[in-house]
Amino acid sequence: ETMISMITAARQFEAQMKILQTAESDEKAAAQLL
């Protein structure tokens, strides 16, 4: 159960980092438009 929880936590961390990357790309796109 602990190993499964660790895998789940790792995937959650990756999802959070992808959101940060999305925020960065959106900010760059908005800066170009402005």
Full PDB file with SEQRES, HELIX, SHEET, SSBOND, CRYST1, ORIGX, SCALE, CONECT and MASTER records, all heavy atoms in Angstrom:
SEQRES   1 A   34  GLU THR MET ILE SER MET ILE THR ALA ALA ARG GLN PHE          
SEQRES   2 A   34  GLU ALA GLN MET LYS ILE LEU GLN THR ALA GLU SER ASP          
SEQRES   3 A   34  GLU LYS ALA ALA ALA GLN LEU LEU                              
HELIX    1 AA1 THR A    2  LEU A   33  1                                  32    
CRYST1    1.000    1.000    1.000  90.00  90.00  90.00 P 1           1          
ORIGX1      1.000000  0.000000  0.000000        0.00000                         
ORIGX2      0.000000  1.000000  0.000000        0.00000                         
ORIGX3      0.000000  0.000000  1.000000        0.00000                         
SCALE1      1.000000  0.000000  0.000000        0.00000                         
SCALE2      0.000000  1.000000  0.000000        0.00000                         
SCALE3      0.000000  0.000000  1.000000        0.00000                         
ATOM      1  N   GLU A   1       0.827  -1.211   0.000  1.00  0.00           N  
ATOM      2  CA  GLU A   1       0.000   0.000   0.000  1.00  0.00           C  
ATOM      3  C   GLU A   1       0.861   1.261   0.000  1.00  0.00           C  
ATOM      4  O   GLU A   1       0.531   2.253  -0.657  1.00  0.00           O  
ATOM      5  CB  GLU A   1      -0.925  -0.010   1.209  1.00  0.00           C  
ATOM      6  CG  GLU A   1      -1.999  -1.084   1.165  1.00  0.00           C  
ATOM      7  CD  GLU A   1      -2.907  -1.043   2.372  1.00  0.00           C  
ATOM      8  OE1 GLU A   1      -2.704  -0.145   3.226  1.00  0.00           O  
ATOM      9  OE2 GLU A   1      -3.806  -1.889   2.471  1.00  0.00           O  
ATOM     10  N   THR A   2       1.969   1.222   0.735  1.00  0.00           N  
ATOM     11  CA  THR A   2       2.841   2.389   0.784  1.00  0.00           C  
ATOM     12  C   THR A   2       3.501   2.645  -0.560  1.00  0.00           C  
ATOM     13  O   THR A   2       3.627   3.800  -0.993  1.00  0.00           O  
ATOM     14  CB  THR A   2       3.919   2.203   1.872  1.00  0.00           C  
ATOM     15  OG1 THR A   2       3.282   1.924   3.130  1.00  0.00           O  
ATOM     16  CG2 THR A   2       4.763   3.458   2.030  1.00  0.00           C  
ATOM     17  N   MET A   3       3.930   1.580  -1.242  1.00  0.00           N  
ATOM     18  CA  MET A   3       4.526   1.748  -2.553  1.00  0.00           C  
ATOM     19  C   MET A   3       3.518   2.326  -3.546  1.00  0.00           C  
ATOM     20  O   MET A   3       3.844   3.208  -4.355  1.00  0.00           O  
ATOM     21  CB  MET A   3       5.049   0.403  -3.063  1.00  0.00           C  
ATOM     22  CG  MET A   3       6.356  -0.042  -2.407  1.00  0.00           C  
ATOM     23  SD  MET A   3       7.724   1.072  -2.798  1.00  0.00           S  
ATOM     24  CE  MET A   3       7.818   0.901  -4.570  1.00  0.00           C  
ATOM     25  N   ILE A   4       2.265   1.854  -3.490  1.00  0.00           N  
ATOM     26  CA  ILE A   4       1.225   2.386  -4.381  1.00  0.00           C  
ATOM     27  C   ILE A   4       0.982   3.861  -4.081  1.00  0.00           C  
ATOM     28  O   ILE A   4       0.824   4.684  -4.995  1.00  0.00           O  
ATOM     29  CB  ILE A   4      -0.074   1.575  -4.219  1.00  0.00           C  
ATOM     30  CG1 ILE A   4       0.140   0.143  -4.732  1.00  0.00           C  
ATOM     31  CG2 ILE A   4      -1.223   2.243  -4.965  1.00  0.00           C  
ATOM     32  CD1 ILE A   4      -1.038  -0.773  -4.494  1.00  0.00           C  
ATOM     33  N   SER A   5       0.967   4.219  -2.801  1.00  0.00           N  
ATOM     34  CA  SER A   5       0.773   5.615  -2.417  1.00  0.00           C  
ATOM     35  C   SER A   5       1.924   6.488  -2.893  1.00  0.00           C  
ATOM     36  O   SER A   5       1.719   7.639  -3.308  1.00  0.00           O  
ATOM     37  CB  SER A   5       0.613   5.729  -0.903  1.00  0.00           C  
ATOM     38  OG  SER A   5      -0.517   5.025  -0.440  1.00  0.00           O  
ATOM     39  N   MET A   6       3.144   5.953  -2.858  1.00  0.00           N  
ATOM     40  CA  MET A   6       4.299   6.715  -3.330  1.00  0.00           C  
ATOM     41  C   MET A   6       4.218   6.958  -4.837  1.00  0.00           C  
ATOM     42  O   MET A   6       4.547   8.046  -5.325  1.00  0.00           O  
ATOM     43  CB  MET A   6       5.593   5.981  -2.977  1.00  0.00           C  
ATOM     44  CG  MET A   6       5.907   5.947  -1.483  1.00  0.00           C  
ATOM     45  SD  MET A   6       7.478   5.137  -1.110  1.00  0.00           S  
ATOM     46  CE  MET A   6       8.644   6.341  -1.794  1.00  0.00           C  
ATOM     47  N   ILE A   7       3.762   5.950  -5.582  1.00  0.00           N  
ATOM     48  CA  ILE A   7       3.601   6.117  -7.035  1.00  0.00           C  
ATOM     49  C   ILE A   7       2.527   7.159  -7.325  1.00  0.00           C  
ATOM     50  O   ILE A   7       2.679   8.020  -8.210  1.00  0.00           O  
ATOM     51  CB  ILE A   7       3.259   4.768  -7.685  1.00  0.00           C  
ATOM     52  CG1 ILE A   7       4.438   3.793  -7.543  1.00  0.00           C  
ATOM     53  CG2 ILE A   7       2.897   4.949  -9.152  1.00  0.00           C  
ATOM     54  CD1 ILE A   7       4.120   2.373  -7.996  1.00  0.00           C  
ATOM     55  N   THR A   8       1.428   7.095  -6.571  1.00  0.00           N  
ATOM     56  CA  THR A   8       0.350   8.070  -6.749  1.00  0.00           C  
ATOM     57  C   THR A   8       0.827   9.478  -6.444  1.00  0.00           C  
ATOM     58  O   THR A   8       0.516  10.437  -7.170  1.00  0.00           O  
ATOM     59  CB  THR A   8      -0.838   7.711  -5.850  1.00  0.00           C  
ATOM     60  OG1 THR A   8      -1.289   6.389  -6.152  1.00  0.00           O  
ATOM     61  CG2 THR A   8      -1.979   8.688  -6.043  1.00  0.00           C  
ATOM     62  N   ALA A   9       1.602   9.624  -5.355  1.00  0.00           N  
ATOM     63  CA  ALA A   9       2.123  10.944  -4.988  1.00  0.00           C  
ATOM     64  C   ALA A   9       3.078  11.474  -6.053  1.00  0.00           C  
ATOM     65  O   ALA A   9       3.078  12.671  -6.357  1.00  0.00           O  
ATOM     66  CB  ALA A   9       2.823  10.868  -3.629  1.00  0.00           C  
ATOM     67  N   ALA A  10       3.878  10.591  -6.630  1.00  0.00           N  
ATOM     68  CA  ALA A  10       4.798  11.022  -7.691  1.00  0.00           C  
ATOM     69  C   ALA A  10       4.044  11.523  -8.916  1.00  0.00           C  
ATOM     70  O   ALA A  10       4.426  12.522  -9.531  1.00  0.00           O  
ATOM     71  CB  ALA A  10       5.728   9.867  -8.071  1.00  0.00           C  
ATOM     72  N   ARG A  11       2.965  10.852  -9.271  1.00  0.00           N  
ATOM     73  CA  ARG A  11       2.167  11.293 -10.415  1.00  0.00           C  
ATOM     74  C   ARG A  11       1.459  12.611 -10.111  1.00  0.00           C  
ATOM     75  O   ARG A  11       1.308  13.460 -10.997  1.00  0.00           O  
ATOM     76  CB  ARG A  11       1.152  10.215 -10.770  1.00  0.00           C  
ATOM     77  CG  ARG A  11       1.797   8.959 -11.367  1.00  0.00           C  
ATOM     78  CD  ARG A  11       0.782   7.879 -11.648  1.00  0.00           C  
ATOM     79  NE  ARG A  11       1.399   6.714 -12.282  1.00  0.00           N  
ATOM     80  CZ  ARG A  11       0.766   5.584 -12.545  1.00  0.00           C  
ATOM     81  NH1 ARG A  11      -0.526   5.458 -12.216  1.00  0.00           N  
ATOM     82  NH2 ARG A  11       1.382   4.572 -13.118  1.00  0.00           N  
ATOM     83  N   GLN A  12       1.015  12.777  -8.863  1.00  0.00           N  
ATOM     84  CA  GLN A  12       0.395  14.048  -8.483  1.00  0.00           C  
ATOM     85  C   GLN A  12       1.402  15.198  -8.580  1.00  0.00           C  
ATOM     86  O   GLN A  12       1.059  16.301  -9.019  1.00  0.00           O  
ATOM     87  CB  GLN A  12      -0.162  13.953  -7.063  1.00  0.00           C  
ATOM     88  CG  GLN A  12      -1.388  13.059  -6.940  1.00  0.00           C  
ATOM     89  CD  GLN A  12      -1.858  12.912  -5.513  1.00  0.00           C  
ATOM     90  OE1 GLN A  12      -1.131  13.250  -4.571  1.00  0.00           O  
ATOM     91  NE2 GLN A  12      -3.063  12.408  -5.324  1.00  0.00           N  
ATOM     92  N   PHE A  13       2.642  14.928  -8.157  1.00  0.00           N  
ATOM     93  CA  PHE A  13       3.667  15.963  -8.238  1.00  0.00           C  
ATOM     94  C   PHE A  13       3.932  16.340  -9.691  1.00  0.00           C  
ATOM     95  O   PHE A  13       4.080  17.527 -10.025  1.00  0.00           O  
ATOM     96  CB  PHE A  13       4.950  15.466  -7.577  1.00  0.00           C  
ATOM     97  CG  PHE A  13       6.063  16.478  -7.568  1.00  0.00           C  
ATOM     98  CD1 PHE A  13       6.085  17.495  -6.632  1.00  0.00           C  
ATOM     99  CD2 PHE A  13       7.081  16.420  -8.504  1.00  0.00           C  
ATOM    100  CE1 PHE A  13       7.103  18.432  -6.617  1.00  0.00           C  
ATOM    101  CE2 PHE A  13       8.097  17.349  -8.513  1.00  0.00           C  
ATOM    102  CZ  PHE A  13       8.111  18.356  -7.559  1.00  0.00           C  
ATOM    103  N   GLU A  14       3.996  15.338 -10.571  1.00  0.00           N  
ATOM    104  CA  GLU A  14       4.206  15.617 -11.994  1.00  0.00           C  
ATOM    105  C   GLU A  14       3.057  16.453 -12.562  1.00  0.00           C  
ATOM    106  O   GLU A  14       3.282  17.363 -13.377  1.00  0.00           O  
ATOM    107  CB  GLU A  14       4.332  14.302 -12.757  1.00  0.00           C  
ATOM    108  CG  GLU A  14       5.599  13.519 -12.441  1.00  0.00           C  
ATOM    109  CD  GLU A  14       5.622  12.176 -13.137  1.00  0.00           C  
ATOM    110  OE1 GLU A  14       4.631  11.851 -13.830  1.00  0.00           O  
ATOM    111  OE2 GLU A  14       6.631  11.449 -12.998  1.00  0.00           O  
ATOM    112  N   ALA A  15       1.834  16.163 -12.145  1.00  0.00           N  
ATOM    113  CA  ALA A  15       0.682  16.928 -12.629  1.00  0.00           C  
ATOM    114  C   ALA A  15       0.768  18.385 -12.163  1.00  0.00           C  
ATOM    115  O   ALA A  15       0.456  19.309 -12.947  1.00  0.00           O  
ATOM    116  CB  ALA A  15      -0.611  16.294 -12.133  1.00  0.00           C  
ATOM    117  N   GLN A  16       1.198  18.593 -10.919  1.00  0.00           N  
ATOM    118  CA  GLN A  16       1.341  19.961 -10.412  1.00  0.00           C  
ATOM    119  C   GLN A  16       2.424  20.718 -11.171  1.00  0.00           C  
ATOM    120  O   GLN A  16       2.266  21.910 -11.484  1.00  0.00           O  
ATOM    121  CB  GLN A  16       1.665  19.941  -8.914  1.00  0.00           C  
ATOM    122  CG  GLN A  16       0.618  19.292  -8.033  1.00  0.00           C  
ATOM    123  CD  GLN A  16      -0.671  20.082  -7.978  1.00  0.00           C  
ATOM    124  OE1 GLN A  16      -0.726  21.241  -8.380  1.00  0.00           O  
ATOM    125  NE2 GLN A  16      -1.732  19.458  -7.495  1.00  0.00           N  
ATOM    126  N   MET A  17       3.510  20.045 -11.498  1.00  0.00           N  
ATOM    127  CA  MET A  17       4.582  20.703 -12.247  1.00  0.00           C  
ATOM    128  C   MET A  17       4.138  21.037 -13.671  1.00  0.00           C  
ATOM    129  O   MET A  17       4.544  22.067 -14.232  1.00  0.00           O  
ATOM    130  CB  MET A  17       5.826  19.804 -12.281  1.00  0.00           C  
ATOM    131  CG  MET A  17       6.426  19.532 -10.902  1.00  0.00           C  
ATOM    132  SD  MET A  17       6.776  21.039  -9.975  1.00  0.00           S  
ATOM    133  CE  MET A  17       8.032  21.791 -10.998  1.00  0.00           C  
ATOM    134  N   LYS A  18       3.300  20.195 -14.278  1.00  0.00           N  
ATOM    135  CA  LYS A  18       2.785  20.496 -15.613  1.00  0.00           C  
ATOM    136  C   LYS A  18       1.896  21.732 -15.588  1.00  0.00           C  
ATOM    137  O   LYS A  18       1.870  22.516 -16.539  1.00  0.00           O  
ATOM    138  CB  LYS A  18       2.016  19.292 -16.150  1.00  0.00           C  
ATOM    139  CG  LYS A  18       2.906  18.125 -16.559  1.00  0.00           C  
ATOM    140  CD  LYS A  18       2.090  16.972 -17.114  1.00  0.00           C  
ATOM    141  CE  LYS A  18       2.996  15.822 -17.542  1.00  0.00           C  
ATOM    142  NZ  LYS A  18       2.203  14.665 -18.059  1.00  0.00           N  
ATOM    143  N   ILE A  19       1.154  21.917 -14.498  1.00  0.00           N  
ATOM    144  CA  ILE A  19       0.323  23.117 -14.369  1.00  0.00           C  
ATOM    145  C   ILE A  19       1.207  24.357 -14.298  1.00  0.00           C  
ATOM    146  O   ILE A  19       0.895  25.396 -14.900  1.00  0.00           O  
ATOM    147  CB  ILE A  19      -0.570  23.013 -13.117  1.00  0.00           C  
ATOM    148  CG1 ILE A  19      -1.586  21.879 -13.285  1.00  0.00           C  
ATOM    149  CG2 ILE A  19      -1.296  24.324 -12.865  1.00  0.00           C  
ATOM    150  CD1 ILE A  19      -2.447  21.643 -12.067  1.00  0.00           C  
ATOM    151  N   LEU A  20       2.331  24.247 -13.566  1.00  0.00           N  
ATOM    152  CA  LEU A  20       3.262  25.375 -13.521  1.00  0.00           C  
ATOM    153  C   LEU A  20       3.825  25.689 -14.906  1.00  0.00           C  
ATOM    154  O   LEU A  20       3.963  26.863 -15.280  1.00  0.00           O  
ATOM    155  CB  LEU A  20       4.406  25.063 -12.545  1.00  0.00           C  
ATOM    156  CG  LEU A  20       4.123  25.237 -11.052  1.00  0.00           C  
ATOM    157  CD1 LEU A  20       5.311  24.779 -10.222  1.00  0.00           C  
ATOM    158  CD2 LEU A  20       3.788  26.684 -10.732  1.00  0.00           C  
ATOM    159  N   GLN A  21       4.153  24.648 -15.653  1.00  0.00           N  
ATOM    160  CA  GLN A  21       4.657  24.856 -17.009  1.00  0.00           C  
ATOM    161  C   GLN A  21       3.592  25.483 -17.902  1.00  0.00           C  
ATOM    162  O   GLN A  21       3.886  26.352 -18.738  1.00  0.00           O  
ATOM    163  CB  GLN A  21       5.132  23.530 -17.590  1.00  0.00           C  
ATOM    164  CG  GLN A  21       6.349  22.951 -16.874  1.00  0.00           C  
ATOM    165  CD  GLN A  21       6.667  21.541 -17.347  1.00  0.00           C  
ATOM    166  OE1 GLN A  21       5.998  20.980 -18.200  1.00  0.00           O  
ATOM    167  NE2 GLN A  21       7.734  20.963 -16.788  1.00  0.00           N  
ATOM    168  N   THR A  22       2.349  25.053 -17.715  1.00  0.00           N  
ATOM    169  CA  THR A  22       1.254  25.645 -18.488  1.00  0.00           C  
ATOM    170  C   THR A  22       1.083  27.118 -18.142  1.00  0.00           C  
ATOM    171  O   THR A  22       0.862  27.961 -19.035  1.00  0.00           O  
ATOM    172  CB  THR A  22      -0.054  24.889 -18.209  1.00  0.00           C  
ATOM    173  OG1 THR A  22       0.109  23.512 -18.564  1.00  0.00           O  
ATOM    174  CG2 THR A  22      -1.206  25.489 -19.004  1.00  0.00           C  
ATOM    175  N   ALA A  23       1.184  27.449 -16.854  1.00  0.00           N  
ATOM    176  CA  ALA A  23       1.074  28.849 -16.442  1.00  0.00           C  
ATOM    177  C   ALA A  23       2.191  29.687 -17.045  1.00  0.00           C  
ATOM    178  O   ALA A  23       1.980  30.833 -17.467  1.00  0.00           O  
ATOM    179  CB  ALA A  23       1.105  28.938 -14.920  1.00  0.00           C  
ATOM    180  N   GLU A  24       3.389  29.113 -17.114  1.00  0.00           N  
ATOM    181  CA  GLU A  24       4.512  29.843 -17.700  1.00  0.00           C  
ATOM    182  C   GLU A  24       4.298  30.093 -19.190  1.00  0.00           C  
ATOM    183  O   GLU A  24       4.525  31.209 -19.689  1.00  0.00           O  
ATOM    184  CB  GLU A  24       5.803  29.063 -17.478  1.00  0.00           C  
ATOM    185  CG  GLU A  24       7.041  29.766 -18.014  1.00  0.00           C  
ATOM    186  CD  GLU A  24       8.303  28.937 -17.826  1.00  0.00           C  
ATOM    187  OE1 GLU A  24       8.182  27.751 -17.455  1.00  0.00           O  
ATOM    188  OE2 GLU A  24       9.395  29.477 -18.053  1.00  0.00           O  
ATOM    189  N   SER A  25       3.843  29.062 -19.910  1.00  0.00           N  
ATOM    190  CA  SER A  25       3.617  29.233 -21.357  1.00  0.00           C  
ATOM    191  C   SER A  25       2.473  30.206 -21.626  1.00  0.00           C  
ATOM    192  O   SER A  25       2.532  31.015 -22.564  1.00  0.00           O  
ATOM    193  CB  SER A  25       3.324  27.879 -21.994  1.00  0.00           C  
ATOM    194  OG  SER A  25       2.157  27.294 -21.442  1.00  0.00           O  
ATOM    195  N   ASP A  26       1.423  30.165 -20.796  1.00  0.00           N  
ATOM    196  CA  ASP A  26       0.313  31.106 -20.966  1.00  0.00           C  
ATOM    197  C   ASP A  26       0.771  32.541 -20.719  1.00  0.00           C  
ATOM    198  O   ASP A  26       0.348  33.477 -21.412  1.00  0.00           O  
ATOM    199  CB  ASP A  26      -0.827  30.757 -20.020  1.00  0.00           C  
ATOM    200  CG  ASP A  26      -1.545  29.472 -20.424  1.00  0.00           C  
ATOM    201  OD1 ASP A  26      -1.299  28.991 -21.548  1.00  0.00           O  
ATOM    202  OD2 ASP A  26      -2.329  28.957 -19.610  1.00  0.00           O  
ATOM    203  N   GLU A  27       1.641  32.709 -19.737  1.00  0.00           N  
ATOM    204  CA  GLU A  27       2.141  34.053 -19.431  1.00  0.00           C  
ATOM    205  C   GLU A  27       2.994  34.589 -20.579  1.00  0.00           C  
ATOM    206  O   GLU A  27       2.904  35.777 -20.946  1.00  0.00           O  
ATOM    207  CB  GLU A  27       2.953  34.027 -18.139  1.00  0.00           C  
ATOM    208  CG  GLU A  27       3.423  35.404 -17.677  1.00  0.00           C  
ATOM    209  CD  GLU A  27       4.147  35.355 -16.361  1.00  0.00           C  
ATOM    210  OE1 GLU A  27       4.275  34.244 -15.798  1.00  0.00           O  
ATOM    211  OE2 GLU A  27       4.600  36.410 -15.895  1.00  0.00           O  
ATOM    212  N   LYS A  28       3.810  33.722 -21.181  1.00  0.00           N  
ATOM    213  CA  LYS A  28       4.621  34.146 -22.329  1.00  0.00           C  
ATOM    214  C   LYS A  28       3.731  34.524 -23.515  1.00  0.00           C  
ATOM    215  O   LYS A  28       3.983  35.522 -24.208  1.00  0.00           O  
ATOM    216  CB  LYS A  28       5.590  33.031 -22.717  1.00  0.00           C  
ATOM    217  CG  LYS A  28       6.713  32.799 -21.723  1.00  0.00           C  
ATOM    218  CD  LYS A  28       7.634  31.688 -22.211  1.00  0.00           C  
ATOM    219  CE  LYS A  28       8.792  31.473 -21.231  1.00  0.00           C  
ATOM    220  NZ  LYS A  28       9.695  30.370 -21.675  1.00  0.00           N  
ATOM    221  N   ALA A  29       2.690  33.724 -23.757  1.00  0.00           N  
ATOM    222  CA  ALA A  29       1.769  34.016 -24.853  1.00  0.00           C  
ATOM    223  C   ALA A  29       1.053  35.348 -24.635  1.00  0.00           C  
ATOM    224  O   ALA A  29       0.882  36.151 -25.555  1.00  0.00           O  
ATOM    225  CB  ALA A  29       0.775  32.890 -25.015  1.00  0.00           C  
ATOM    226  N   ALA A  30       0.664  35.589 -23.382  1.00  0.00           N  
ATOM    227  CA  ALA A  30      -0.023  36.843 -23.068  1.00  0.00           C  
ATOM    228  C   ALA A  30       0.926  38.038 -23.237  1.00  0.00           C  
ATOM    229  O   ALA A  30       0.522  39.104 -23.739  1.00  0.00           O  
ATOM    230  CB  ALA A  30      -0.576  36.800 -21.639  1.00  0.00           C  
ATOM    231  N   ALA A  31       2.183  37.857 -22.836  1.00  0.00           N  
ATOM    232  CA  ALA A  31       3.166  38.949 -22.995  1.00  0.00           C  
ATOM    233  C   ALA A  31       3.409  39.261 -24.465  1.00  0.00           C  
ATOM    234  O   ALA A  31       3.555  40.440 -24.842  1.00  0.00           O  
ATOM    235  CB  ALA A  31       4.458  38.561 -22.302  1.00  0.00           C  
ATOM    236  N   GLN A  32       3.423  38.234 -25.316  1.00  0.00           N  
ATOM    237  CA  GLN A  32       3.615  38.472 -26.760  1.00  0.00           C  
ATOM    238  C   GLN A  32       2.448  39.232 -27.364  1.00  0.00           C  
ATOM    239  O   GLN A  32       2.608  40.118 -28.192  1.00  0.00           O  
ATOM    240  CB  GLN A  32       3.817  37.137 -27.467  1.00  0.00           C  
ATOM    241  CG  GLN A  32       5.156  36.461 -27.170  1.00  0.00           C  
ATOM    242  CD  GLN A  32       5.274  35.114 -27.838  1.00  0.00           C  
ATOM    243  OE1 GLN A  32       4.326  34.629 -28.465  1.00  0.00           O  
ATOM    244  NE2 GLN A  32       6.426  34.470 -27.691  1.00  0.00           N  
ATOM    245  N   LEU A  33       1.228  38.870 -26.928  1.00  0.00           N  
ATOM    246  CA  LEU A  33       0.058  39.571 -27.436  1.00  0.00           C  
ATOM    247  C   LEU A  33       0.058  41.030 -27.002  1.00  0.00           C  
ATOM    248  O   LEU A  33      -0.302  41.938 -27.794  1.00  0.00           O  
ATOM    249  CB  LEU A  33      -1.206  38.874 -26.940  1.00  0.00           C  
ATOM    250  CG  LEU A  33      -1.524  37.500 -27.549  1.00  0.00           C  
ATOM    251  CD1 LEU A  33      -2.729  36.870 -26.883  1.00  0.00           C  
ATOM    252  CD2 LEU A  33      -1.765  37.621 -29.055  1.00  0.00           C  
ATOM    253  N   LEU A  34       0.434  41.280 -25.779  1.00  0.00           N  
ATOM    254  CA  LEU A  34       0.452  42.655 -25.286  1.00  0.00           C  
ATOM    255  C   LEU A  34       1.532  43.480 -25.983  1.00  0.00           C  
ATOM    256  O   LEU A  34       1.369  44.692 -26.209  1.00  0.00           O  
ATOM    257  CB  LEU A  34       0.684  42.662 -23.778  1.00  0.00           C  
ATOM    258  CG  LEU A  34      -0.481  42.131 -22.914  1.00  0.00           C  
ATOM    259  CD1 LEU A  34      -0.093  42.073 -21.458  1.00  0.00           C  
ATOM    260  CD2 LEU A  34      -1.715  43.017 -23.090  1.00  0.00           C  
TER     261      LEU A  34                                                      
MASTER        0    0    0    1    0    0    0    6  260    1    0    3          
END                                                                             
